[in-house]
Amino acid sequence: MDNRLRTLDLIALILVIIGGVNWLLVGLFSFDVVAAIFGTLTIVSRIVYVIVGIAAVYVAARSPYLAHYRHEERVRGTPPHPAT
């Protein structure tokens, strides 16, 4: 079960980063990637926005755990990930 949570954490983080980059492009260039790919406020684009929003809420709720994730790995005795 722990691996499933880590996978879900990673997926949520990736979605939040993609959403953040989309908002960066909207703010800087008035270019919405989701709308460009799926159309402006179509059902599919609205689903994408909802999924990214749910991911953001999930990451916000899990952020205390995610912030201490590497520390907990060290405490349990697993080697730390190499710095990238």
C-alpha atoms as a PDB file:
ATOM      1  CA  MET A   1       0.000   0.000   0.000  1.00  0.00           C
ATOM      2  CA  ASP A   2       2.898   2.344   0.701  1.00  0.00           C
ATOM      3  CA  ASN A   3       4.101   2.097  -2.909  1.00  0.00           C
ATOM      4  CA  ARG A   4       0.634   2.980  -4.183  1.00  0.00           C
ATOM      5  CA  LEU A   5       0.636   6.121  -2.060  1.00  0.00           C
ATOM      6  CA  ARG A   6       4.037   7.107  -3.357  1.00  0.00           C
ATOM      7  CA  THR A   7       2.871   6.596  -6.934  1.00  0.00           C
ATOM      8  CA  LEU A   8      -0.241   8.686  -6.297  1.00  0.00           C
ATOM      9  CA  ASP A   9       1.916  11.392  -4.690  1.00  0.00           C
ATOM     10  CA  LEU A  10       4.153  11.483  -7.758  1.00  0.00           C
ATOM     11  CA  ILE A  11       1.221  11.630 -10.178  1.00  0.00           C
ATOM     12  CA  ALA A  12      -0.375  14.445  -8.178  1.00  0.00           C
ATOM     13  CA  LEU A  13       2.874  16.407  -8.058  1.00  0.00           C
ATOM     14  CA  ILE A  14       3.341  16.064 -11.814  1.00  0.00           C
ATOM     15  CA  LEU A  15      -0.225  17.263 -12.437  1.00  0.00           C
ATOM     16  CA  VAL A  16       0.283  20.247 -10.132  1.00  0.00           C
ATOM     17  CA  ILE A  17       3.520  21.171 -11.918  1.00  0.00           C
ATOM     18  CA  ILE A  18       1.814  20.893 -15.317  1.00  0.00           C
ATOM     19  CA  GLY A  19      -1.037  23.064 -14.025  1.00  0.00           C
ATOM     20  CA  GLY A  20       1.425  25.604 -12.672  1.00  0.00           C
ATOM     21  CA  VAL A  21       3.274  25.806 -15.983  1.00  0.00           C
ATOM     22  CA  ASN A  22      -0.061  26.232 -17.767  1.00  0.00           C
ATOM     23  CA  TRP A  23      -0.928  29.154 -15.472  1.00  0.00           C
ATOM     24  CA  LEU A  24       2.539  30.633 -16.052  1.00  0.00           C
ATOM     25  CA  LEU A  25       1.897  30.574 -19.789  1.00  0.00           C
ATOM     26  CA  VAL A  26      -1.565  32.085 -19.298  1.00  0.00           C
ATOM     27  CA  GLY A  27      -0.113  34.890 -17.180  1.00  0.00           C
ATOM     28  CA  LEU A  28       2.870  35.669 -19.387  1.00  0.00           C
ATOM     29  CA  PHE A  29       1.533  35.051 -22.872  1.00  0.00           C
ATOM     30  CA  SER A  30      -2.263  34.648 -22.543  1.00  0.00           C
ATOM     31  CA  PHE A  31      -1.776  31.115 -23.882  1.00  0.00           C
ATOM     32  CA  ASP A  32      -3.764  28.295 -22.287  1.00  0.00           C
ATOM     33  CA  VAL A  33      -2.234  24.945 -23.288  1.00  0.00           C
ATOM     34  CA  VAL A  34      -5.284  22.958 -22.168  1.00  0.00           C
ATOM     35  CA  ALA A  35      -7.630  25.149 -24.195  1.00  0.00           C
ATOM     36  CA  ALA A  36      -5.284  24.963 -27.190  1.00  0.00           C
ATOM     37  CA  ILE A  37      -5.271  21.158 -27.085  1.00  0.00           C
ATOM     38  CA  PHE A  38      -8.850  20.373 -26.033  1.00  0.00           C
ATOM     39  CA  GLY A  39     -10.782  23.555 -26.863  1.00  0.00           C
ATOM     40  CA  THR A  40     -12.019  26.399 -24.697  1.00  0.00           C
ATOM     41  CA  LEU A  41     -14.221  25.058 -21.892  1.00  0.00           C
ATOM     42  CA  THR A  42     -15.137  21.839 -23.656  1.00  0.00           C
ATOM     43  CA  ILE A  43     -16.095  18.841 -21.538  1.00  0.00           C
ATOM     44  CA  VAL A  44     -12.607  17.365 -21.932  1.00  0.00           C
ATOM     45  CA  SER A  45     -10.809  20.588 -20.988  1.00  0.00           C
ATOM     46  CA  ARG A  46     -13.077  21.010 -17.949  1.00  0.00           C
ATOM     47  CA  ILE A  47     -12.271  17.437 -16.876  1.00  0.00           C
ATOM     48  CA  VAL A  48      -8.554  18.225 -17.194  1.00  0.00           C
ATOM     49  CA  TYR A  49      -8.980  21.363 -15.061  1.00  0.00           C
ATOM     50  CA  VAL A  50     -10.916  19.396 -12.431  1.00  0.00           C
ATOM     51  CA  ILE A  51      -8.297  16.622 -12.303  1.00  0.00           C
ATOM     52  CA  VAL A  52      -5.481  19.160 -11.893  1.00  0.00           C
ATOM     53  CA  GLY A  53      -7.499  20.958  -9.211  1.00  0.00           C
ATOM     54  CA  ILE A  54      -8.095  17.714  -7.316  1.00  0.00           C
ATOM     55  CA  ALA A  55      -4.370  16.982  -7.568  1.00  0.00           C
ATOM     56  CA  ALA A  56      -3.630  20.406  -6.078  1.00  0.00           C
ATOM     57  CA  VAL A  57      -5.975  19.780  -3.146  1.00  0.00           C
ATOM     58  CA  TYR A  58      -4.399  16.345  -2.641  1.00  0.00           C
ATOM     59  CA  VAL A  59      -0.865  17.769  -2.670  1.00  0.00           C
ATOM     60  CA  ALA A  60      -1.892  20.533  -0.256  1.00  0.00           C
ATOM     61  CA  ALA A  61      -3.369  17.963   2.122  1.00  0.00           C
ATOM     62  CA  ARG A  62      -0.324  15.667   1.810  1.00  0.00           C
ATOM     63  CA  SER A  63       2.309  18.418   1.888  1.00  0.00           C
ATOM     64  CA  PRO A  64       3.353  17.832   5.532  1.00  0.00           C
ATOM     65  CA  TYR A  65       4.088  14.184   4.679  1.00  0.00           C
ATOM     66  CA  LEU A  66       5.751  15.043   1.371  1.00  0.00           C
ATOM     67  CA  ALA A  67       7.960  17.644   3.046  1.00  0.00           C
ATOM     68  CA  HIS A  68       9.311  15.057   5.506  1.00  0.00           C
ATOM     69  CA  TYR A  69       9.408  12.105   3.123  1.00  0.00           C
ATOM     70  CA  ARG A  70      13.201  11.946   2.710  1.00  0.00           C
ATOM     71  CA  HIS A  71      13.759  12.379   6.440  1.00  0.00           C
ATOM     72  CA  GLU A  72      11.430   9.470   7.195  1.00  0.00           C
ATOM     73  CA  GLU A  73      13.303   7.278   4.693  1.00  0.00           C
ATOM     74  CA  ARG A  74      16.557   7.942   6.543  1.00  0.00           C
ATOM     75  CA  VAL A  75      14.975   7.246   9.916  1.00  0.00           C
ATOM     76  CA  ARG A  76      13.687   3.861   8.654  1.00  0.00           C
ATOM     77  CA  GLY A  77      17.190   2.970   7.528  1.00  0.00           C
ATOM     78  CA  THR A  78      16.812   3.097   3.774  1.00  0.00           C
ATOM     79  CA  PRO A  79      19.562   4.939   1.950  1.00  0.00           C
ATOM     80  CA  PRO A  80      18.741   8.487   0.831  1.00  0.00           C
ATOM     81  CA  HIS A  81      18.158   9.259  -2.832  1.00  0.00           C
ATOM     82  CA  PRO A  82      21.133  10.841  -4.567  1.00  0.00           C
ATOM     83  CA  ALA A  83      20.881  14.607  -4.884  1.00  0.00           C
ATOM     84  CA  THR A  84      19.886  15.729  -8.343  1.00  0.00           C
END
